[in-house]
Protein backbone atom coordinates (compact mmCIF):
# COMPACT_ATOMS: atom_id res chain seq x y z
CA MET A 1 -13.74 -39.54 37.55
CA SER A 2 -14.97 -40.49 34.11
CA THR A 3 -12.61 -41.34 31.28
CA LEU A 4 -14.00 -38.48 29.21
CA ALA A 5 -13.36 -36.04 32.07
CA LEU A 6 -9.77 -37.29 32.35
CA MET A 7 -9.11 -36.94 28.60
CA THR A 8 -10.73 -33.50 28.57
CA ALA A 9 -8.60 -32.37 31.53
CA VAL A 10 -5.39 -33.52 29.82
CA ARG A 11 -6.35 -31.80 26.55
CA ASP A 12 -7.30 -28.57 28.35
CA THR A 13 -4.05 -28.59 30.34
CA LEU A 14 -2.02 -28.91 27.14
CA ILE A 15 -3.95 -26.12 25.40
CA ALA A 16 -3.66 -23.84 28.43
CA THR A 17 0.15 -24.10 28.46
CA PRO A 18 1.40 -21.09 26.49
CA ASP A 19 4.89 -22.39 25.59
CA LEU A 20 3.40 -25.39 23.74
CA GLY A 21 1.46 -23.11 21.40
CA LEU A 22 -1.43 -25.57 21.06
CA THR A 23 -5.01 -24.71 20.10
CA LYS A 24 -8.20 -26.77 19.92
CA GLU A 25 -7.57 -27.25 16.19
CA ILE A 26 -4.23 -28.99 16.74
CA CYS A 27 -4.83 -30.63 20.14
CA ASP A 28 -7.98 -32.62 20.74
CA ILE A 29 -9.48 -35.90 21.85
CA SER A 30 -9.06 -38.27 18.93
CA ASP A 31 -9.39 -41.85 17.80
CA ARG A 32 -6.11 -43.60 18.71
CA GLY A 33 -4.27 -40.26 18.48
CA MET A 34 -4.63 -40.01 14.71
CA PRO A 35 -4.57 -36.49 13.24
CA THR A 36 -7.67 -35.24 11.50
CA ALA A 37 -7.62 -34.93 7.72
CA MET A 38 -7.29 -31.15 7.97
CA ALA A 39 -4.69 -31.12 10.76
CA ALA A 40 -1.80 -28.69 10.61
CA ASP A 41 1.88 -29.71 10.58
CA LEU A 42 1.68 -30.53 14.30
CA TYR A 43 -1.16 -32.49 15.88
CA VAL A 44 -1.54 -33.71 19.46
CA GLY A 45 -4.16 -36.41 19.94
CA VAL A 46 -5.39 -37.36 23.42
CA TRP A 47 -7.01 -40.77 23.60
CA TYR A 48 -8.16 -43.41 26.01
CA GLY A 49 -5.54 -45.86 27.15
CA TYR A 50 -5.94 -48.69 29.60
CA TRP A 51 -7.66 -49.16 32.92
CA ARG A 52 -7.46 -51.73 35.64
CA ASP A 53 -9.20 -52.58 38.85
CA LYS A 54 -6.86 -52.13 41.79
CA GLY A 55 -8.87 -53.99 44.38
CA SER A 56 -12.45 -52.78 44.34
CA ASN A 57 -14.80 -54.45 46.78
CA GLY A 58 -18.45 -54.15 47.69
CA GLU A 59 -17.83 -50.88 49.53
CA CYS A 60 -15.51 -48.99 47.20
CA LEU A 61 -14.40 -48.74 43.58
CA HIS A 62 -10.64 -48.51 43.14
CA THR A 63 -9.58 -48.24 39.50
CA GLU A 64 -6.60 -46.81 37.68
CA HIS A 65 -6.95 -45.14 34.27
CA TRP A 66 -4.39 -44.23 31.63
CA VAL A 67 -4.56 -41.59 28.92
CA ASN A 68 -2.37 -41.74 25.82
CA VAL A 69 -1.02 -38.67 24.06
CA THR A 70 0.20 -39.02 20.48
CA VAL A 71 2.22 -36.21 18.90
CA SER A 72 2.33 -36.19 15.09
CA MET A 73 4.40 -33.92 12.86
CA ARG A 74 4.23 -33.69 9.09
CA ALA A 75 7.59 -33.91 7.40
CA THR A 76 6.69 -33.12 3.80
CA ARG A 77 8.86 -30.00 3.54
CA VAL A 78 12.03 -31.63 4.80
CA PRO A 79 14.01 -34.30 2.91
CA LEU A 80 14.14 -37.71 4.56
CA ASP A 81 17.87 -37.41 5.34
CA ARG A 82 17.21 -34.18 7.34
CA TRP A 83 14.37 -35.46 9.54
CA GLY A 84 16.69 -36.00 12.52
CA PRO A 85 18.16 -32.51 12.84
CA GLU A 86 15.27 -30.56 11.27
CA ILE A 87 12.21 -32.21 12.78
CA ILE A 88 13.08 -34.47 15.67
CA ALA A 89 16.02 -32.81 17.42
CA LYS A 90 15.49 -29.04 17.16
CA ILE A 91 16.09 -27.71 20.65
CA LYS A 92 12.90 -25.68 21.32
CA VAL A 93 10.47 -26.66 18.56
CA GLY A 94 11.42 -30.20 17.60
CA LEU A 95 9.29 -33.27 18.09
CA LEU A 96 11.31 -34.49 21.09
CA ALA A 97 11.15 -31.07 22.77
CA LYS A 98 7.35 -31.02 22.43
CA CYS A 99 7.02 -34.59 23.72
CA GLU A 100 9.27 -33.96 26.72
CA ARG A 101 7.32 -30.82 27.64
CA ILE A 102 4.01 -32.70 27.38
CA VAL A 103 5.33 -35.50 29.60
CA SER A 104 6.52 -32.98 32.19
CA LEU A 105 3.06 -31.39 32.27
CA ILE A 106 0.90 -34.45 32.67
CA HIS A 107 3.16 -36.92 34.47
CA MET A 108 2.10 -37.47 38.07
CA ASP A 109 -0.71 -34.91 37.74
């Protein structure tokens, strides 16, 4: 499997999950997970992580590849002292809830 195919599969899985509410505009392959200049309040960047050779020999190639997912949320409409309860910890729409859902989708897949 190519690295691009792996990143594309992760991105497409995230977009295809209805409860995340992600679209191609807010979830894409990106450089180090950084949001684009025109990104919305939420941005999910999928980017290449690390790879290692797990014992390839002359007859087979055995490598392991990682993909990173960075979730960014703008906090301009919430005062700094309210970031915890208003942005990070909201039960269904907070940053942690999104991250935990993403981990549950792509972990061990």
